[in-house]
Amino acid sequence: MNSPLLGVVAVEALLASGVRHVLLSPGSRNAPLSLALHAADEAGLLTLHVRIDERVAGFIALGIAKASRSPVAVVTTSGTAVGNLLPAVMEARASGIPLVLLTADRPAHAVGTGANQTTDQVGLFGAQVLGTVRMSSSSGDERSWWGQLTRAVALATGIRTRLPGPVHVNVEFDLPLVDATVRPPAAQPPRPVLASSSGVSVHEVTTPARTVILAGDAPPAVGAEARALARIARVPLLAEPSSNARSGDAVPRYREQLARLGPEIERVVVFGHPTLSRPVTALLSRDDVEVIVVADRADWVDPGHVAARVVDRVLLPEGDPDWYHRWDRGVPEPTGLTFEAVAAAVVRAVGPGEHLVFGASSSIRHADVAPVPEHPGTCHANRGLAGIDGTLATATGIALATGAPTTVLLGDLTLQHDLGALVLPPSEPTIDLRVILVDDDGGSIFGQLEQGAPEFRRAFDRVFRAPQGVDCSEAALTFGWKVDNVRSLAALESRLRCGFSGRELLRVVPAAG
């Protein structure tokens, strides 16, 4: 029975499995892990990030894993601390982001007895995790502990299954929790776990058809592939802002153009996870359209259950020039201090080598109708489940993982959902993070949906838009951010052209439009 040693072995197993970033929320029961992680951080073996709010820690871990494409661990104490990880876990599961949830627990004999801070944590995340591993200081040895955790990390990465995502490792620690004489974690050689041996499937399309390429939320490599295919085959590219394919000849305002040209589409090639509009979902559900999904994961996108093929790569014949040119690529620049104009200015300002994170509600949809940038930055959004919570924490993780300037475009409700992420403890690394807060006082997106119809006007403000009447920039100021109110589009564009360092929040109150 050696809890401190289990903590050391767990950290060594993480190191051997390629984990280089760990989020820790302080507690008592996770002390064996906390001390081992601190020692590993001081030895330069990994980077430890400490946040007191487990919900924030979960989303920061998500952001680091999203940007680095590597597994990240999150460590909590027992009890409600574990439950606070659930929102980030749900997004990670839907987006295929590798997280390892190391949750400390009381010994099994304490569960169900009323012991302090003790509940049944095993199975807490249900279907939202790929698997659950139970470890205990009261059973097993160094070899079995090491083996359990390395297998858990391999499962999270999806290297054998092509299904990455979160894995829950519940670790029961019995007393004593600390031992000043326990050895520190040592550097570990990589434990090679080879990828699945299945070959890459390439589908060559030979029959001509009116084709579009639809690119949804995706990492840069997938976006580049969609862009290259559209360029080589000369077919229209409909790319969402976080697809990392939206540049050059991508079709702007494609949702509007789908109303005109959508009925003529005969084939759609899908990359990433498109989620932004009902017209796109309707297109992907038509049984008179050949849908080809390009996916490297075992869970592919097929909302209408009509996909004709799911492949790793696809080759297309050269498209019809007339079909290509019927998709209008001229879009006027929006003017005035509207949400749409703000989004366009932000998209235009963030260039190569920088990162841009969109809030999941109005922000990304206004960016979706902005003019297509020629040389955009790397774009991100939590589109797995499209929740507005955790956006700022996710952006913090992206900034930590990349060390690059990172800009966040979000609304006031999105920021209110993540106020804890405004805090940067003085012991933690600084980041270059700029927030563009479009404060339209509530959920304006609902006005564009059925709920915004005149017959629901009496209920709309209270139960849908839900204005809060608070200025979140005041909270940012309290937590050490540089804050400025921007009162014109020209002033915003001027600020965006300037570089920034540290944490900066620009608040914009948009005009209607």
Protein backbone atom coordinates (compact mmCIF):
# COMPACT_ATOMS: atom_id res chain seq x y z
CA MET A 1 0.00 0.00 0.00
CA ASN A 2 2.06 2.95 -1.30
CA SER A 3 0.12 5.94 -2.57
CA PRO A 4 3.15 8.22 -3.06
CA LEU A 5 4.86 5.58 -5.21
CA LEU A 6 1.71 5.12 -7.28
CA GLY A 7 1.75 8.86 -7.94
CA VAL A 8 5.35 8.66 -9.20
CA VAL A 9 4.70 5.63 -11.41
CA ALA A 10 1.60 7.29 -12.88
CA VAL A 11 3.62 10.35 -13.90
CA GLU A 12 6.36 8.17 -15.39
CA ALA A 13 3.75 6.28 -17.41
CA LEU A 14 2.39 9.58 -18.73
CA LEU A 15 5.91 10.60 -19.76
CA ALA A 16 6.52 7.29 -21.53
CA SER A 17 3.23 7.75 -23.40
CA GLY A 18 4.11 11.17 -24.77
CA VAL A 19 2.11 13.36 -22.37
CA ARG A 20 3.94 16.67 -21.97
CA HIS A 21 1.22 18.94 -20.56
CA VAL A 22 -0.78 18.24 -17.40
CA LEU A 23 -3.54 20.37 -15.83
CA LEU A 24 -3.81 20.12 -12.07
CA SER A 25 -6.55 21.36 -9.76
CA PRO A 26 -5.29 21.33 -6.17
CA GLY A 27 -6.80 19.05 -3.54
CA SER A 28 -5.84 16.68 -0.76
CA ARG A 29 -6.62 13.21 -2.11
CA ASN A 30 -4.64 13.86 -5.30
CA ALA A 31 -1.53 14.84 -3.30
CA PRO A 32 0.53 11.84 -4.55
CA LEU A 33 0.00 12.97 -8.13
CA SER A 34 0.44 16.66 -7.32
CA LEU A 35 3.85 16.18 -5.69
CA ALA A 36 5.08 13.86 -8.43
CA LEU A 37 3.93 16.28 -11.12
CA HIS A 38 5.61 19.21 -9.39
CA ALA A 39 8.88 17.28 -9.27
CA ALA A 40 8.58 16.34 -12.96
CA ASP A 41 7.84 19.95 -13.88
CA GLU A 42 10.86 21.23 -11.95
CA ALA A 43 13.03 18.62 -13.68
CA GLY A 44 11.84 19.84 -17.08
CA LEU A 45 10.16 16.52 -17.93
CA LEU A 46 6.73 18.04 -18.53
CA THR A 47 4.83 21.30 -18.17
CA LEU A 48 2.44 21.54 -15.25
CA HIS A 49 -0.45 24.03 -15.34
CA VAL A 50 -2.35 24.72 -12.11
CA ARG A 51 -5.93 26.05 -12.00
CA ILE A 52 -8.23 25.90 -8.99
CA ASP A 53 -11.40 25.54 -11.09
CA GLU A 54 -11.68 22.02 -12.51
CA ARG A 55 -14.12 23.15 -15.19
CA VAL A 56 -11.60 25.71 -16.43
CA ALA A 57 -8.77 23.18 -16.16
CA GLY A 58 -10.69 20.72 -18.32
CA PHE A 59 -11.19 23.21 -21.12
CA ILE A 60 -7.60 24.46 -20.95
CA ALA A 61 -6.50 20.85 -21.36
CA LEU A 62 -8.89 20.56 -24.30
CA GLY A 63 -7.33 23.63 -25.93
CA ILE A 64 -3.78 22.36 -25.45
CA ALA A 65 -4.68 18.96 -26.92
CA LYS A 66 -6.61 20.57 -29.78
CA ALA A 67 -3.65 22.75 -30.78
CA SER A 68 -0.87 20.23 -30.15
CA ARG A 69 -2.72 17.14 -31.45
CA SER A 70 -1.21 15.30 -28.48
CA PRO A 71 -2.72 13.74 -25.34
CA VAL A 72 -3.10 15.98 -22.29
CA ALA A 73 -3.83 14.86 -18.74
CA VAL A 74 -6.12 16.53 -16.18
CA VAL A 75 -5.71 15.73 -12.49
CA THR A 76 -8.38 16.36 -9.84
CA THR A 77 -9.17 15.44 -6.29
CA SER A 78 -12.26 13.39 -5.39
CA GLY A 79 -15.94 14.31 -5.16
CA THR A 80 -17.61 17.12 -7.05
CA ALA A 81 -14.23 18.11 -8.48
CA VAL A 82 -14.57 15.18 -10.87
CA GLY A 83 -18.03 16.21 -12.06
CA ASN A 84 -16.77 19.64 -13.06
CA LEU A 85 -14.78 18.03 -15.88
CA LEU A 86 -17.93 16.80 -17.64
CA PRO A 87 -18.52 19.73 -20.07
CA ALA A 88 -14.95 19.55 -21.41
CA VAL A 89 -15.15 15.75 -21.53
CA MET A 90 -18.33 15.90 -23.62
CA GLU A 91 -16.73 18.28 -26.11
CA ALA A 92 -13.57 16.16 -26.25
CA ARG A 93 -15.62 13.04 -26.95
CA ALA A 94 -17.56 14.69 -29.76
CA SER A 95 -14.44 16.27 -31.28
CA GLY A 96 -12.06 13.35 -30.87
CA ILE A 97 -9.64 15.20 -28.59
CA PRO A 98 -7.32 12.97 -26.50
CA LEU A 99 -7.72 13.74 -22.78
CA VAL A 100 -6.61 11.55 -19.88
CA LEU A 101 -8.73 12.24 -16.79
CA LEU A 102 -6.78 11.26 -13.68
CA THR A 103 -9.26 11.56 -10.83
CA ALA A 104 -8.13 10.81 -7.30
CA ASP A 105 -10.48 8.75 -5.16
CA ARG A 106 -10.89 7.37 -1.65
CA PRO A 107 -10.33 3.62 -1.22
CA ALA A 108 -13.18 1.40 -2.38
CA HIS A 109 -14.11 0.46 1.18
CA ALA A 110 -15.02 4.12 1.88
CA VAL A 111 -17.61 4.38 -0.91
CA GLY A 112 -21.18 4.26 0.34
CA THR A 113 -20.23 4.83 3.97
CA GLY A 114 -20.77 8.58 4.16
CA ALA A 115 -17.03 9.22 4.27
CA ASN A 116 -16.05 12.80 3.51
CA GLN A 117 -15.80 13.85 -0.14
CA THR A 118 -16.52 10.29 -1.29
CA THR A 119 -18.89 9.11 -4.00
CA ASP A 120 -18.99 6.43 -6.66
CA GLN A 121 -16.74 7.99 -9.30
CA VAL A 122 -16.34 4.92 -11.50
CA GLY A 123 -18.64 5.26 -14.48
CA LEU A 124 -19.41 8.89 -13.69
CA PHE A 125 -18.72 10.00 -17.27
CA GLY A 126 -20.75 7.18 -18.82
CA ALA A 127 -20.76 7.14 -22.62
CA GLN A 128 -18.73 10.36 -22.77
CA VAL A 129 -15.43 8.51 -22.31
CA LEU A 130 -13.87 5.81 -24.46
CA GLY A 131 -13.06 3.71 -21.43
CA THR A 132 -12.60 3.69 -17.66
CA VAL A 133 -9.53 2.36 -15.86
CA ARG A 134 -9.45 1.64 -12.11
CA MET A 135 -6.17 1.87 -10.24
CA SER A 136 -5.53 1.48 -6.52
CA SER A 137 -2.62 1.90 -4.17
CA SER A 138 -4.00 -1.13 -2.32
CA SER A 139 -3.57 -3.53 -5.23
CA GLY A 140 -1.14 -4.07 -8.06
CA ASP A 141 2.51 -3.12 -8.32
CA GLU A 142 4.70 -0.73 -10.30
CA ARG A 143 4.55 -2.83 -13.45
CA SER A 144 0.77 -3.22 -13.45
CA TRP A 145 0.19 0.47 -12.61
CA TRP A 146 2.51 1.52 -15.43
CA GLY A 147 0.84 -0.84 -17.86
CA GLN A 148 -2.68 0.29 -16.98
CA LEU A 149 -1.92 3.95 -17.52
CA THR A 150 0.08 3.56 -20.73
CA ARG A 151 -2.79 1.54 -22.19
CA ALA A 152 -5.21 4.29 -21.13
CA VAL A 153 -3.18 6.95 -22.94
CA ALA A 154 -2.97 4.77 -26.05
CA LEU A 155 -6.76 4.41 -25.97
CA ALA A 156 -7.16 8.20 -25.67
CA THR A 157 -4.95 8.85 -28.70
CA GLY A 158 -6.86 6.37 -30.83
CA ILE A 159 -3.61 5.11 -32.30
CA ARG A 160 -4.97 1.56 -32.52
CA THR A 161 -8.67 2.34 -32.93
CA ARG A 162 -8.80 5.52 -35.04
CA LEU A 163 -11.16 6.84 -32.38
CA PRO A 164 -9.40 9.40 -30.16
CA GLY A 165 -11.10 10.99 -27.18
CA PRO A 166 -11.21 11.18 -23.38
CA VAL A 167 -10.37 8.25 -21.10
CA HIS A 168 -11.14 8.14 -17.36
CA VAL A 169 -8.47 6.80 -14.99
CA ASN A 170 -9.85 6.64 -11.45
CA VAL A 171 -7.04 6.26 -8.91
CA GLU A 172 -7.81 5.14 -5.35
CA PHE A 173 -5.27 6.50 -2.88
CA ASP A 174 -5.19 5.20 0.68
CA LEU A 175 -3.33 6.84 3.56
CA PRO A 176 -0.59 7.92 3.89
CA LEU A 177 -0.76 10.26 0.91
CA VAL A 178 2.73 11.78 1.19
CA ASP A 179 6.25 10.50 1.77
CA ALA A 180 9.24 12.83 1.64
CA THR A 181 11.56 9.90 0.86
CA VAL A 182 9.77 8.62 -2.26
CA ARG A 183 11.89 8.85 -5.40
CA PRO A 184 11.08 11.60 -7.93
CA PRO A 185 9.80 10.71 -11.40
CA ALA A 186 12.55 9.86 -13.87
CA ALA A 187 12.74 10.52 -17.59
CA GLN A 188 11.23 7.65 -19.57
CA PRO A 189 12.01 6.30 -23.04
CA PRO A 190 8.98 6.44 -25.31
CA ARG A 191 6.77 3.40 -25.23
CA PRO A 192 6.06 2.66 -28.89
CA VAL A 193 2.45 1.81 -29.63
CA LEU A 194 2.16 1.38 -33.37
CA ALA A 195 -0.78 2.61 -35.37
CA SER A 196 -3.34 0.21 -36.78
CA SER A 197 -1.99 -1.59 -39.83
CA SER A 198 -5.05 -1.01 -42.00
CA GLY A 199 -4.13 0.68 -45.27
CA VAL A 200 -5.23 4.09 -46.50
CA SER A 201 -8.33 3.88 -48.67
CA VAL A 202 -8.32 6.06 -51.78
CA HIS A 203 -11.49 6.43 -53.82
CA GLU A 204 -11.15 7.72 -57.37
CA VAL A 205 -14.31 9.31 -58.74
CA THR A 206 -14.51 9.03 -62.51
CA THR A 207 -18.07 10.09 -63.32
CA PRO A 208 -18.70 13.83 -63.74
CA ALA A 209 -21.27 15.54 -61.53
CA ARG A 210 -22.03 18.99 -60.16
CA THR A 211 -19.83 18.68 -57.10
CA VAL A 212 -19.05 20.85 -54.08
CA ILE A 213 -16.50 20.31 -51.36
CA LEU A 214 -17.89 21.04 -47.90
CA ALA A 215 -15.32 21.67 -45.17
CA GLY A 216 -16.43 21.82 -41.55
CA ASP A 217 -14.52 22.21 -38.30
CA ALA A 218 -11.14 20.53 -38.76
CA PRO A 219 -7.44 20.79 -37.89
CA PRO A 220 -5.11 22.59 -40.33
CA ALA A 221 -3.93 19.43 -42.10
CA VAL A 222 -7.49 18.43 -42.99
CA GLY A 223 -8.34 21.96 -44.10
CA ALA A 224 -5.28 22.04 -46.34
CA GLU A 225 -6.35 18.76 -47.94
CA ALA A 226 -9.83 20.10 -48.68
CA ARG A 227 -8.32 23.28 -50.14
CA ALA A 228 -5.90 21.34 -52.34
CA LEU A 229 -8.61 19.04 -53.69
CA ALA A 230 -10.84 22.01 -54.55
CA ARG A 231 -7.98 23.76 -56.31
CA ILE A 232 -6.86 20.73 -58.32
CA ALA A 233 -10.36 19.59 -59.33
CA ARG A 234 -11.68 23.14 -59.79
CA VAL A 235 -14.86 22.56 -57.81
CA PRO A 236 -16.57 25.03 -55.44
CA LEU A 237 -15.29 24.97 -51.86
CA LEU A 238 -17.82 25.75 -49.12
CA ALA A 239 -15.73 26.19 -45.99
CA GLU A 240 -16.78 27.04 -42.44
CA PRO A 241 -14.54 29.46 -40.48
CA SER A 242 -12.97 26.78 -38.27
CA SER A 243 -12.35 24.38 -41.19
CA ASN A 244 -8.91 25.88 -41.85
CA ALA A 245 -9.86 25.64 -45.52
CA ARG A 246 -11.50 29.06 -45.79
CA SER A 247 -9.12 31.13 -47.88
CA GLY A 248 -8.36 31.98 -51.50
CA ASP A 249 -11.18 30.84 -53.78
CA ALA A 250 -13.49 29.49 -51.08
CA VAL A 251 -17.08 30.55 -51.71
CA PRO A 252 -18.23 33.36 -49.38
CA ARG A 253 -21.78 33.50 -48.07
CA TYR A 254 -22.29 29.96 -49.31
CA ARG A 255 -25.37 29.49 -47.13
CA GLU A 256 -27.18 32.18 -49.11
CA GLN A 257 -25.96 30.71 -52.39
CA LEU A 258 -27.21 27.26 -51.42
CA ALA A 259 -30.75 28.62 -51.71
CA ARG A 260 -30.05 29.40 -55.36
CA LEU A 261 -27.72 26.60 -56.44
CA GLY A 262 -28.28 23.91 -53.82
CA PRO A 263 -31.01 22.05 -55.76
CA GLU A 264 -28.53 21.51 -58.62
CA ILE A 265 -25.83 19.87 -56.47
CA GLU A 266 -25.29 16.21 -57.35
CA ARG A 267 -22.26 15.31 -55.22
CA VAL A 268 -20.79 16.55 -51.93
CA VAL A 269 -17.35 15.67 -50.62
CA VAL A 270 -17.24 16.29 -46.86
CA PHE A 271 -14.17 17.11 -44.80
CA GLY A 272 -14.25 17.78 -41.06
CA HIS A 273 -17.41 18.37 -39.04
CA PRO A 274 -19.83 20.86 -40.64
CA THR A 275 -22.37 22.13 -38.10
CA LEU A 276 -23.19 25.76 -38.69
CA SER A 277 -26.45 25.83 -40.59
CA ARG A 278 -29.62 23.93 -41.34
CA PRO A 279 -29.22 24.32 -45.13
CA VAL A 280 -25.94 22.40 -44.91
CA THR A 281 -27.50 19.68 -42.75
CA ALA A 282 -30.38 19.44 -45.23
CA LEU A 283 -27.92 19.11 -48.11
CA LEU A 284 -26.12 16.27 -46.34
CA SER A 285 -29.45 14.51 -45.76
CA ARG A 286 -30.69 14.47 -49.35
CA ASP A 287 -30.98 11.03 -50.90
CA ASP A 288 -30.56 12.46 -54.43
CA VAL A 289 -27.03 13.70 -53.61
CA GLU A 290 -23.97 11.44 -53.59
CA VAL A 291 -22.24 12.14 -50.26
CA ILE A 292 -18.59 11.12 -49.95
CA VAL A 293 -17.09 11.54 -46.48
CA VAL A 294 -13.32 11.91 -46.13
CA ALA A 295 -12.46 10.90 -42.56
CA ASP A 296 -9.51 9.52 -40.65
CA ARG A 297 -11.61 8.69 -37.59
CA ALA A 298 -13.85 5.73 -36.90
CA ASP A 299 -16.79 8.06 -36.14
CA TRP A 300 -17.51 10.02 -39.31
CA VAL A 301 -20.00 12.76 -40.10
CA ASP A 302 -23.23 11.55 -41.72
CA PRO A 303 -26.25 13.34 -40.17
CA GLY A 304 -28.65 12.13 -42.85
CA HIS A 305 -27.44 8.51 -42.88
CA VAL A 306 -26.94 8.77 -46.65
CA ALA A 307 -23.15 8.65 -47.09
CA ALA A 308 -22.32 6.62 -50.19
CA ARG A 309 -18.67 6.17 -49.22
CA VAL A 310 -16.38 6.88 -46.27
CA VAL A 311 -12.74 7.05 -47.35
CA ASP A 312 -9.33 8.30 -46.26
CA ARG A 313 -8.63 10.10 -49.55
CA VAL A 314 -10.61 10.95 -52.65
CA LEU A 315 -9.64 11.88 -56.21
CA LEU A 316 -12.06 13.91 -58.32
CA PRO A 317 -12.26 14.52 -62.05
CA GLU A 318 -11.87 18.11 -63.17
CA GLY A 319 -15.06 20.02 -62.56
CA ASP A 320 -17.28 21.88 -65.00
CA PRO A 321 -15.94 25.48 -65.38
CA ASP A 322 -19.46 26.85 -65.77
CA TRP A 323 -20.55 25.22 -62.49
CA TYR A 324 -17.47 26.59 -60.75
CA HIS A 325 -18.02 30.17 -61.89
CA ARG A 326 -21.72 30.25 -61.08
CA TRP A 327 -20.79 30.45 -57.39
CA ASP A 328 -20.35 34.15 -56.68
CA ARG A 329 -17.10 35.05 -54.90
CA GLY A 330 -17.62 38.78 -54.63
CA VAL A 331 -18.74 40.01 -51.21
CA PRO A 332 -18.90 43.65 -50.15
CA GLU A 333 -17.11 44.60 -46.97
CA PRO A 334 -19.61 45.18 -44.14
CA THR A 335 -19.64 48.67 -42.68
CA GLY A 336 -20.59 50.22 -39.36
CA LEU A 337 -20.05 48.78 -35.92
CA THR A 338 -22.20 45.69 -36.44
CA PHE A 339 -21.38 42.19 -35.19
CA GLU A 340 -20.86 41.13 -38.82
CA ALA A 341 -18.41 43.97 -39.48
CA VAL A 342 -16.52 43.25 -36.27
CA ALA A 343 -16.21 39.58 -37.21
CA ALA A 344 -14.97 40.48 -40.68
CA ALA A 345 -12.35 42.84 -39.25
CA VAL A 346 -11.10 40.21 -36.82
CA VAL A 347 -10.91 37.47 -39.46
CA ARG A 348 -8.99 39.81 -41.76
CA ALA A 349 -6.56 40.87 -39.02
CA VAL A 350 -5.44 37.44 -37.78
CA GLY A 351 -2.78 36.15 -40.14
CA PRO A 352 -0.35 33.25 -40.56
CA GLY A 353 1.47 32.26 -37.38
CA GLU A 354 -1.43 33.45 -35.22
CA HIS A 355 -4.49 31.66 -33.86
CA LEU A 356 -8.15 32.68 -33.87
CA VAL A 357 -10.79 31.10 -31.64
CA PHE A 358 -14.50 31.61 -32.28
CA GLY A 359 -17.31 31.48 -29.77
CA ALA A 360 -19.79 28.80 -30.78
CA SER A 361 -22.88 30.96 -31.18
CA SER A 362 -23.19 34.25 -33.09
CA SER A 363 -19.44 34.86 -33.39
CA ILE A 364 -18.62 32.00 -35.73
CA ARG A 365 -21.78 32.51 -37.78
CA HIS A 366 -20.96 36.16 -38.42
CA ALA A 367 -17.44 35.09 -39.39
CA ASP A 368 -19.03 32.59 -41.77
CA VAL A 369 -20.51 35.40 -43.88
CA ALA A 370 -17.41 37.61 -43.78
CA PRO A 371 -15.27 38.05 -46.89
CA VAL A 372 -12.87 35.15 -47.36
CA PRO A 373 -9.36 36.06 -46.15
CA GLU A 374 -6.39 35.52 -48.45
CA HIS A 375 -3.90 34.49 -45.78
CA PRO A 376 -5.76 33.52 -42.58
CA GLY A 377 -4.45 32.39 -39.26
CA THR A 378 -5.15 28.98 -37.76
CA CYS A 379 -8.78 28.86 -36.66
CA HIS A 380 -10.43 26.92 -33.85
CA ALA A 381 -13.87 26.46 -32.32
CA ASN A 382 -15.52 23.94 -30.02
CA ARG A 383 -17.87 22.54 -32.64
CA GLY A 384 -18.11 18.98 -31.33
CA LEU A 385 -21.19 19.87 -29.30
CA ALA A 386 -21.12 23.60 -30.10
CA GLY A 387 -21.53 24.73 -26.49
CA ILE A 388 -20.60 28.28 -25.60
CA ASP A 389 -19.04 27.26 -22.28
CA GLY A 390 -15.27 26.94 -21.93
CA THR A 391 -14.39 29.11 -24.94
CA LEU A 392 -11.92 31.38 -23.14
CA ALA A 393 -10.32 28.46 -21.31
CA THR A 394 -9.95 26.58 -24.61
CA ALA A 395 -8.27 29.63 -26.13
CA THR A 396 -5.97 29.82 -23.11
CA GLY A 397 -4.92 26.23 -23.77
CA ILE A 398 -4.26 27.00 -27.43
CA ALA A 399 -2.09 29.98 -26.48
CA LEU A 400 -0.19 27.85 -23.95
CA ALA A 401 0.37 25.02 -26.43
CA THR A 402 1.53 27.18 -29.32
CA GLY A 403 3.19 30.17 -27.65
CA ALA A 404 1.66 32.21 -30.49
CA PRO A 405 -0.57 35.30 -30.31
CA THR A 406 -4.15 34.09 -29.94
CA THR A 407 -7.31 36.11 -30.54
CA VAL A 408 -10.79 35.15 -29.31
CA LEU A 409 -14.00 36.47 -30.83
CA LEU A 410 -16.97 35.96 -28.52
CA GLY A 411 -20.16 37.46 -27.17
CA ASP A 412 -21.07 38.52 -23.66
CA LEU A 413 -22.96 35.35 -22.69
CA THR A 414 -20.08 33.18 -23.89
CA LEU A 415 -17.68 35.14 -21.71
CA GLN A 416 -20.05 34.97 -18.72
CA HIS A 417 -20.00 31.18 -19.01
CA ASP A 418 -16.22 31.22 -18.54
CA LEU A 419 -15.37 34.04 -16.16
CA GLY A 420 -13.10 31.75 -14.14
CA ALA A 421 -10.80 31.49 -17.16
CA LEU A 422 -10.01 35.20 -16.83
CA VAL A 423 -7.81 34.32 -13.85
CA LEU A 424 -4.12 33.71 -14.50
CA PRO A 425 -2.37 32.66 -11.27
CA PRO A 426 0.94 34.51 -10.72
CA SER A 427 2.82 31.20 -10.62
CA GLU A 428 1.68 30.22 -14.12
CA PRO A 429 3.17 31.03 -17.56
CA THR A 430 2.05 34.25 -19.21
CA ILE A 431 0.30 34.15 -22.57
CA ASP A 432 -0.48 36.52 -25.42
CA LEU A 433 -4.27 36.39 -25.56
CA ARG A 434 -6.57 39.04 -26.99
CA VAL A 435 -10.34 38.89 -26.49
CA ILE A 436 -12.71 40.75 -28.78
CA LEU A 437 -15.88 40.94 -26.70
CA VAL A 438 -18.95 41.82 -28.76
CA ASP A 439 -21.33 42.85 -26.01
CA ASP A 440 -24.82 42.68 -27.50
CA ASP A 441 -26.36 42.00 -24.07
CA GLY A 442 -27.82 38.56 -24.54
CA GLY A 443 -28.35 35.68 -26.92
CA SER A 444 -29.04 37.58 -30.11
CA ILE A 445 -28.69 34.41 -32.21
CA PHE A 446 -32.17 33.29 -31.17
CA GLY A 447 -33.60 36.25 -33.04
CA GLN A 448 -32.55 34.52 -36.27
CA LEU A 449 -34.45 31.34 -35.40
CA GLU A 450 -38.13 30.45 -35.10
CA GLN A 451 -38.18 31.82 -31.57
CA GLY A 452 -37.56 35.30 -32.97
CA ALA A 453 -40.88 35.41 -34.82
CA PRO A 454 -43.20 38.32 -33.91
CA GLU A 455 -45.75 36.05 -32.23
CA PHE A 456 -43.17 35.16 -29.58
CA ARG A 457 -42.02 38.73 -28.95
CA ARG A 458 -43.52 38.93 -25.46
CA ALA A 459 -41.55 35.93 -24.19
CA PHE A 460 -38.46 36.35 -26.35
CA ASP A 461 -36.29 38.64 -24.23
CA ARG A 462 -36.81 36.79 -20.98
CA VAL A 463 -36.58 33.14 -22.00
CA PHE A 464 -34.39 33.25 -25.12
CA ARG A 465 -32.26 36.37 -25.43
CA ALA A 466 -31.89 36.61 -21.63
CA PRO A 467 -29.99 39.92 -21.37
CA GLN A 468 -27.88 40.04 -18.22
CA GLY A 469 -27.23 43.77 -18.01
CA VAL A 470 -23.61 43.40 -16.85
CA ASP A 471 -20.31 44.57 -18.29
CA CYS A 472 -17.94 41.59 -18.22
CA SER A 473 -14.98 43.78 -19.07
CA GLU A 474 -15.06 45.02 -15.48
CA ALA A 475 -14.36 41.46 -14.32
CA ALA A 476 -11.45 41.25 -16.76
CA LEU A 477 -10.03 44.46 -15.34
CA THR A 478 -10.26 43.01 -11.83
CA PHE A 479 -8.33 39.93 -12.95
CA GLY A 480 -5.45 41.91 -14.41
CA TRP A 481 -6.39 42.25 -18.07
CA LYS A 482 -5.77 45.37 -20.12
CA VAL A 483 -9.26 46.56 -21.09
CA ASP A 484 -10.45 49.12 -23.61
CA ASN A 485 -13.84 50.09 -25.01
CA VAL A 486 -13.81 50.45 -28.79
CA ARG A 487 -16.46 52.78 -30.17
CA SER A 488 -16.04 52.65 -33.95
CA LEU A 489 -15.12 50.15 -36.64
CA ALA A 490 -12.16 52.29 -37.69
CA ALA A 491 -10.86 52.32 -34.12
CA LEU A 492 -11.22 48.55 -33.91
CA GLU A 493 -9.39 48.03 -37.20
CA SER A 494 -6.61 50.29 -35.99
CA ARG A 495 -6.23 48.33 -32.76
CA LEU A 496 -6.28 45.02 -34.61
CA ARG A 497 -3.43 46.16 -36.84
CA CYS A 498 -1.27 46.72 -33.77
CA GLY A 499 0.55 43.86 -32.15
CA PHE A 500 -0.23 42.95 -28.56
CA SER A 501 1.39 41.20 -25.66
CA GLY A 502 -0.06 39.79 -22.48
CA ARG A 503 -3.82 39.64 -21.95
CA GLU A 504 -5.98 42.27 -23.60
CA LEU A 505 -9.75 42.64 -23.88
CA LEU A 506 -11.40 44.97 -26.39
CA ARG A 507 -15.10 45.52 -25.70
CA VAL A 508 -17.37 46.47 -28.58
CA VAL A 509 -21.05 47.36 -28.19
CA PRO A 510 -22.43 46.71 -31.69
CA ALA A 511 -25.08 48.67 -33.49
CA ALA A 512 -28.13 46.75 -34.65
CA GLY A 513 -27.56 44.89 -37.88
